[in-house]
C-alpha atoms as a PDB file:
ATOM      1  CA  MET A   1     -12.040  26.243 -62.971  1.00  0.00           C
ATOM      2  CA  LYS A   2     -11.478  27.329 -59.322  1.00  0.00           C
ATOM      3  CA  LEU A   3     -10.542  25.140 -56.490  1.00  0.00           C
ATOM      4  CA  SER A   4      -9.561  25.182 -52.824  1.00  0.00           C
ATOM      5  CA  ALA A   5      -7.059  22.512 -53.513  1.00  0.00           C
ATOM      6  CA  ARG A   6      -3.429  23.816 -53.614  1.00  0.00           C
ATOM      7  CA  ASN A   7      -2.069  21.163 -55.735  1.00  0.00           C
ATOM      8  CA  VAL A   8      -3.385  21.078 -59.420  1.00  0.00           C
ATOM      9  CA  LEU A   9      -1.228  19.241 -61.859  1.00  0.00           C
ATOM     10  CA  LYS A  10      -2.059  19.475 -65.629  1.00  0.00           C
ATOM     11  CA  GLY A  11      -1.190  16.656 -67.703  1.00  0.00           C
ATOM     12  CA  THR A  12      -2.290  14.156 -70.594  1.00  0.00           C
ATOM     13  CA  ILE A  13      -4.153  11.030 -70.185  1.00  0.00           C
ATOM     14  CA  LYS A  14      -1.724   8.109 -71.068  1.00  0.00           C
ATOM     15  CA  LYS A  15      -3.708   5.033 -70.074  1.00  0.00           C
ATOM     16  CA  ILE A  16      -7.212   4.133 -68.945  1.00  0.00           C
ATOM     17  CA  THR A  17      -7.593   0.655 -67.478  1.00  0.00           C
ATOM     18  CA  VAL A  18     -11.350  -0.076 -67.101  1.00  0.00           C
ATOM     19  CA  GLY A  19     -12.458  -2.246 -64.143  1.00  0.00           C
ATOM     20  CA  SER A  20     -15.972  -3.366 -63.138  1.00  0.00           C
ATOM     21  CA  VAL A  21     -16.435  -0.723 -60.527  1.00  0.00           C
ATOM     22  CA  ASN A  22     -13.299   1.603 -60.693  1.00  0.00           C
ATOM     23  CA  ASP A  23     -11.126   2.664 -63.507  1.00  0.00           C
ATOM     24  CA  GLU A  24      -7.262   3.364 -63.213  1.00  0.00           C
ATOM     25  CA  VAL A  25      -6.262   6.549 -65.000  1.00  0.00           C
ATOM     26  CA  VAL A  26      -2.626   7.338 -65.775  1.00  0.00           C
ATOM     27  CA  LEU A  27      -1.927  11.033 -66.243  1.00  0.00           C
ATOM     28  CA  GLU A  28       1.410  11.945 -67.939  1.00  0.00           C
ATOM     29  CA  LEU A  29       2.735  15.347 -66.538  1.00  0.00           C
ATOM     30  CA  LYS A  30       5.698  15.472 -68.693  1.00  0.00           C
ATOM     31  CA  GLU A  31       7.707  12.686 -70.263  1.00  0.00           C
ATOM     32  CA  GLY A  32       8.628  10.002 -67.582  1.00  0.00           C
ATOM     33  CA  VAL A  33       6.567  11.720 -64.915  1.00  0.00           C
ATOM     34  CA  GLU A  34       3.111  10.184 -64.101  1.00  0.00           C
ATOM     35  CA  VAL A  35       0.372  10.326 -61.512  1.00  0.00           C
ATOM     36  CA  VAL A  36      -2.061   7.371 -61.203  1.00  0.00           C
ATOM     37  CA  SER A  37      -5.650   7.695 -59.929  1.00  0.00           C
ATOM     38  CA  ILE A  38      -8.348   5.204 -59.093  1.00  0.00           C
ATOM     39  CA  ILE A  39     -11.669   6.779 -59.838  1.00  0.00           C
ATOM     40  CA  THR A  40     -15.149   5.446 -60.132  1.00  0.00           C
ATOM     41  CA  LYS A  41     -16.338   4.073 -63.602  1.00  0.00           C
ATOM     42  CA  GLU A  42     -19.190   6.580 -63.349  1.00  0.00           C
ATOM     43  CA  SER A  43     -16.860   9.594 -62.794  1.00  0.00           C
ATOM     44  CA  ALA A  44     -14.817   8.431 -65.582  1.00  0.00           C
ATOM     45  CA  GLN A  45     -17.740   8.199 -68.003  1.00  0.00           C
ATOM     46  CA  ASN A  46     -18.950  11.800 -66.691  1.00  0.00           C
ATOM     47  CA  LEU A  47     -15.730  13.333 -67.516  1.00  0.00           C
ATOM     48  CA  ASN A  48     -15.722  11.794 -70.832  1.00  0.00           C
ATOM     49  CA  LEU A  49     -12.028  10.608 -70.220  1.00  0.00           C
ATOM     50  CA  GLU A  50     -10.004   9.307 -73.273  1.00  0.00           C
ATOM     51  CA  VAL A  51      -6.504   8.762 -73.843  1.00  0.00           C
ATOM     52  CA  GLY A  52      -4.729  11.950 -75.377  1.00  0.00           C
ATOM     53  CA  LYS A  53      -7.084  14.169 -73.508  1.00  0.00           C
ATOM     54  CA  GLU A  54      -5.666  16.784 -71.241  1.00  0.00           C
ATOM     55  CA  ALA A  55      -6.741  16.459 -67.597  1.00  0.00           C
ATOM     56  CA  TYR A  56      -5.891  17.641 -64.189  1.00  0.00           C
ATOM     57  CA  ALA A  57      -4.600  15.730 -61.193  1.00  0.00           C
ATOM     58  CA  VAL A  58      -6.214  17.677 -58.190  1.00  0.00           C
ATOM     59  CA  ILE A  59      -4.575  16.780 -54.783  1.00  0.00           C
ATOM     60  CA  LYS A  60      -6.140  17.739 -51.619  1.00  0.00           C
ATOM     61  CA  ALA A  61      -4.661  16.362 -48.371  1.00  0.00           C
ATOM     62  CA  SER A  62      -3.972  17.551 -44.933  1.00  0.00           C
ATOM     63  CA  ASN A  63      -0.594  15.952 -44.858  1.00  0.00           C
ATOM     64  CA  VAL A  64       1.872  15.611 -47.591  1.00  0.00           C
ATOM     65  CA  MET A  65       5.266  14.093 -47.009  1.00  0.00           C
ATOM     66  CA  VAL A  66       8.380  15.227 -48.525  1.00  0.00           C
ATOM     67  CA  ALA A  67      11.487  12.801 -48.823  1.00  0.00           C
ATOM     68  CA  VAL A  68      14.936  12.769 -49.995  1.00  0.00           C
ATOM     69  CA  ASP A  69      17.543  10.105 -50.501  1.00  0.00           C
END
């Protein structure tokens, strides 16, 4: 897989909440670190997403903010 996006995070699908149009996918990067994405139901089906399966969170944005306490 080659992408122009600079931020690709590999993880394991922890949870999928199925909606009528969109699905919410929780990807666990490591214990206690999760990324949540809302994707179309059709995309989730085309990707054959299942809990326990490895997947990638691909982040492409022109602006990414960094904050500290």
